[in-house]
Amino acid sequence: MKPLLPFRALVPAALAVFALFSGPAGAQPAASAPTTATPPSSYTPTRAEVERDLAAWKESGVEAQWAGDESPDINSPVYIADYQKYVSTVRTGDMAQPASSQTGSQRRW
């Protein structure tokens, strides 16, 4: 018997086994992958909070910098100052107060 004959018979079997183990069955199933990178938030802002946030965005000047077709230079000193003004306005705690409790002179916007 020729020594090459058994080797030739094993090659297709070895290729079939290799194909079984290297196919998509060995890969991670898509169902276990997360659907989003961030978990859903349980906080839902009220309409008044969203309107105050938008007013702060406009008043700080950041909206005007995003008005054109081009993105603004977010590293420029002007943009950084305007954005810091927006963040400080939003984070002062005024957002947590209902809109009806603020009078015209107390409003920041």
C-alpha atoms as a PDB file:
ATOM      1  CA  MET A   1       0.000   0.000   0.000  1.00  0.00           C
ATOM      2  CA  LYS A   2       1.248   3.457  -0.821  1.00  0.00           C
ATOM      3  CA  PRO A   3       1.982   5.701   2.205  1.00  0.00           C
ATOM      4  CA  LEU A   4       0.371   8.742   0.547  1.00  0.00           C
ATOM      5  CA  LEU A   5      -3.063   7.166   0.221  1.00  0.00           C
ATOM      6  CA  PRO A   6      -4.139   7.431   3.912  1.00  0.00           C
ATOM      7  CA  PHE A   7      -2.878  11.026   4.026  1.00  0.00           C
ATOM      8  CA  ARG A   8      -4.988  11.950   0.994  1.00  0.00           C
ATOM      9  CA  ALA A   9      -8.056  10.475   2.666  1.00  0.00           C
ATOM     10  CA  LEU A  10      -7.503  12.489   5.870  1.00  0.00           C
ATOM     11  CA  VAL A  11      -7.051  15.877   4.172  1.00  0.00           C
ATOM     12  CA  PRO A  12     -10.753  16.418   3.331  1.00  0.00           C
ATOM     13  CA  ALA A  13     -11.784  15.282   6.824  1.00  0.00           C
ATOM     14  CA  ALA A  14      -9.271  17.653   8.436  1.00  0.00           C
ATOM     15  CA  LEU A  15     -10.488  20.537   6.286  1.00  0.00           C
ATOM     16  CA  ALA A  16     -14.096  19.827   7.245  1.00  0.00           C
ATOM     17  CA  VAL A  17     -13.240  19.820  10.969  1.00  0.00           C
ATOM     18  CA  PHE A  18     -11.274  23.048  10.570  1.00  0.00           C
ATOM     19  CA  ALA A  19     -14.210  24.687   8.770  1.00  0.00           C
ATOM     20  CA  LEU A  20     -16.569  23.663  11.572  1.00  0.00           C
ATOM     21  CA  PHE A  21     -14.440  25.211  14.304  1.00  0.00           C
ATOM     22  CA  SER A  22     -13.504  28.395  12.468  1.00  0.00           C
ATOM     23  CA  GLY A  23     -16.999  29.313  11.259  1.00  0.00           C
ATOM     24  CA  PRO A  24     -19.511  31.708  12.791  1.00  0.00           C
ATOM     25  CA  ALA A  25     -20.455  29.146  15.438  1.00  0.00           C
ATOM     26  CA  GLY A  26     -17.179  29.881  17.185  1.00  0.00           C
ATOM     27  CA  ALA A  27     -17.726  33.631  17.073  1.00  0.00           C
ATOM     28  CA  GLN A  28     -19.573  35.623  19.728  1.00  0.00           C
ATOM     29  CA  PRO A  29     -23.287  35.712  18.967  1.00  0.00           C
ATOM     30  CA  ALA A  30     -24.659  39.129  18.028  1.00  0.00           C
ATOM     31  CA  ALA A  31     -27.502  38.813  20.535  1.00  0.00           C
ATOM     32  CA  SER A  32     -25.102  39.135  23.476  1.00  0.00           C
ATOM     33  CA  ALA A  33     -23.567  42.391  22.208  1.00  0.00           C
ATOM     34  CA  PRO A  34     -24.873  45.556  23.905  1.00  0.00           C
ATOM     35  CA  THR A  35     -27.347  47.579  21.891  1.00  0.00           C
ATOM     36  CA  THR A  36     -26.162  50.973  23.191  1.00  0.00           C
ATOM     37  CA  ALA A  37     -23.001  52.257  24.813  1.00  0.00           C
ATOM     38  CA  THR A  38     -24.835  54.151  27.542  1.00  0.00           C
ATOM     39  CA  PRO A  39     -27.597  52.861  29.755  1.00  0.00           C
ATOM     40  CA  PRO A  40     -30.989  54.509  29.409  1.00  0.00           C
ATOM     41  CA  SER A  41     -31.509  57.402  31.781  1.00  0.00           C
ATOM     42  CA  SER A  42     -34.357  57.316  34.253  1.00  0.00           C
ATOM     43  CA  TYR A  43     -34.457  61.140  34.299  1.00  0.00           C
ATOM     44  CA  THR A  44     -36.908  62.813  31.960  1.00  0.00           C
ATOM     45  CA  PRO A  45     -36.662  66.615  31.888  1.00  0.00           C
ATOM     46  CA  THR A  46     -39.815  68.682  31.880  1.00  0.00           C
ATOM     47  CA  ARG A  47     -40.688  71.003  29.039  1.00  0.00           C
ATOM     48  CA  ALA A  48     -39.859  74.019  31.222  1.00  0.00           C
ATOM     49  CA  GLU A  49     -36.391  72.624  31.995  1.00  0.00           C
ATOM     50  CA  VAL A  50     -35.693  72.029  28.316  1.00  0.00           C
ATOM     51  CA  GLU A  51     -36.839  75.556  27.445  1.00  0.00           C
ATOM     52  CA  ARG A  52     -34.594  77.060  30.164  1.00  0.00           C
ATOM     53  CA  ASP A  53     -31.655  74.997  28.914  1.00  0.00           C
ATOM     54  CA  LEU A  54     -32.240  76.193  25.351  1.00  0.00           C
ATOM     55  CA  ALA A  55     -32.490  79.787  26.533  1.00  0.00           C
ATOM     56  CA  ALA A  56     -29.173  79.419  28.385  1.00  0.00           C
ATOM     57  CA  TRP A  57     -27.603  77.923  25.245  1.00  0.00           C
ATOM     58  CA  LYS A  58     -28.755  80.873  23.156  1.00  0.00           C
ATOM     59  CA  GLU A  59     -27.856  83.545  25.714  1.00  0.00           C
ATOM     60  CA  SER A  60     -24.344  82.217  26.276  1.00  0.00           C
ATOM     61  CA  GLY A  61     -23.535  82.688  22.586  1.00  0.00           C
ATOM     62  CA  VAL A  62     -22.778  79.056  21.838  1.00  0.00           C
ATOM     63  CA  GLU A  63     -25.777  78.741  19.515  1.00  0.00           C
ATOM     64  CA  ALA A  64     -24.506  81.554  17.306  1.00  0.00           C
ATOM     65  CA  GLN A  65     -21.179  79.770  16.884  1.00  0.00           C
ATOM     66  CA  TRP A  66     -22.949  76.628  15.650  1.00  0.00           C
ATOM     67  CA  ALA A  67     -25.237  78.569  13.275  1.00  0.00           C
ATOM     68  CA  GLY A  68     -23.086  78.293  10.134  1.00  0.00           C
ATOM     69  CA  ASP A  69     -22.339  75.362   7.876  1.00  0.00           C
ATOM     70  CA  GLU A  70     -18.928  74.812   9.446  1.00  0.00           C
ATOM     71  CA  SER A  71     -18.324  73.468  12.948  1.00  0.00           C
ATOM     72  CA  PRO A  72     -16.880  76.074  15.297  1.00  0.00           C
ATOM     73  CA  ASP A  73     -13.344  75.844  16.631  1.00  0.00           C
ATOM     74  CA  ILE A  74     -14.108  74.291  20.007  1.00  0.00           C
ATOM     75  CA  ASN A  75     -10.557  75.004  21.184  1.00  0.00           C
ATOM     76  CA  SER A  76     -10.783  78.758  20.618  1.00  0.00           C
ATOM     77  CA  PRO A  77     -10.814  80.957  23.738  1.00  0.00           C
ATOM     78  CA  VAL A  78     -14.104  82.573  22.670  1.00  0.00           C
ATOM     79  CA  TYR A  79     -15.898  79.243  22.328  1.00  0.00           C
ATOM     80  CA  ILE A  80     -14.472  77.953  25.607  1.00  0.00           C
ATOM     81  CA  ALA A  81     -15.598  81.099  27.447  1.00  0.00           C
ATOM     82  CA  ASP A  82     -19.094  80.929  25.927  1.00  0.00           C
ATOM     83  CA  TYR A  83     -19.432  77.227  26.710  1.00  0.00           C
ATOM     84  CA  GLN A  84     -18.256  77.749  30.296  1.00  0.00           C
ATOM     85  CA  LYS A  85     -20.860  80.488  30.647  1.00  0.00           C
ATOM     86  CA  TYR A  86     -23.524  78.054  29.409  1.00  0.00           C
ATOM     87  CA  VAL A  87     -22.408  75.273  31.749  1.00  0.00           C
ATOM     88  CA  SER A  88     -22.249  77.580  34.758  1.00  0.00           C
ATOM     89  CA  THR A  89     -25.732  78.882  33.978  1.00  0.00           C
ATOM     90  CA  VAL A  90     -27.196  75.407  33.661  1.00  0.00           C
ATOM     91  CA  ARG A  91     -25.493  73.949  36.730  1.00  0.00           C
ATOM     92  CA  THR A  92     -26.365  76.715  39.190  1.00  0.00           C
ATOM     93  CA  GLY A  93     -29.449  74.874  40.359  1.00  0.00           C
ATOM     94  CA  ASP A  94     -31.865  77.121  38.504  1.00  0.00           C
ATOM     95  CA  MET A  95     -32.786  74.166  36.308  1.00  0.00           C
ATOM     96  CA  ALA A  96     -34.227  72.302  39.307  1.00  0.00           C
ATOM     97  CA  GLN A  97     -36.621  75.131  40.211  1.00  0.00           C
ATOM     98  CA  PRO A  98     -40.022  75.187  38.547  1.00  0.00           C
ATOM     99  CA  ALA A  99     -40.497  78.011  36.074  1.00  0.00           C
ATOM    100  CA  SER A 100     -43.523  79.383  37.940  1.00  0.00           C
ATOM    101  CA  SER A 101     -41.412  80.146  41.045  1.00  0.00           C
ATOM    102  CA  GLN A 102     -39.175  82.595  39.160  1.00  0.00           C
ATOM    103  CA  THR A 103     -40.242  86.170  38.637  1.00  0.00           C
ATOM    104  CA  GLY A 104     -38.953  88.420  35.875  1.00  0.00           C
ATOM    105  CA  SER A 105     -36.172  89.946  37.994  1.00  0.00           C
ATOM    106  CA  GLN A 106     -35.021  86.552  39.359  1.00  0.00           C
ATOM    107  CA  ARG A 107     -34.660  84.850  36.010  1.00  0.00           C
ATOM    108  CA  ARG A 108     -31.182  84.455  34.641  1.00  0.00           C
ATOM    109  CA  TRP A 109     -32.468  84.203  31.073  1.00  0.00           C
END
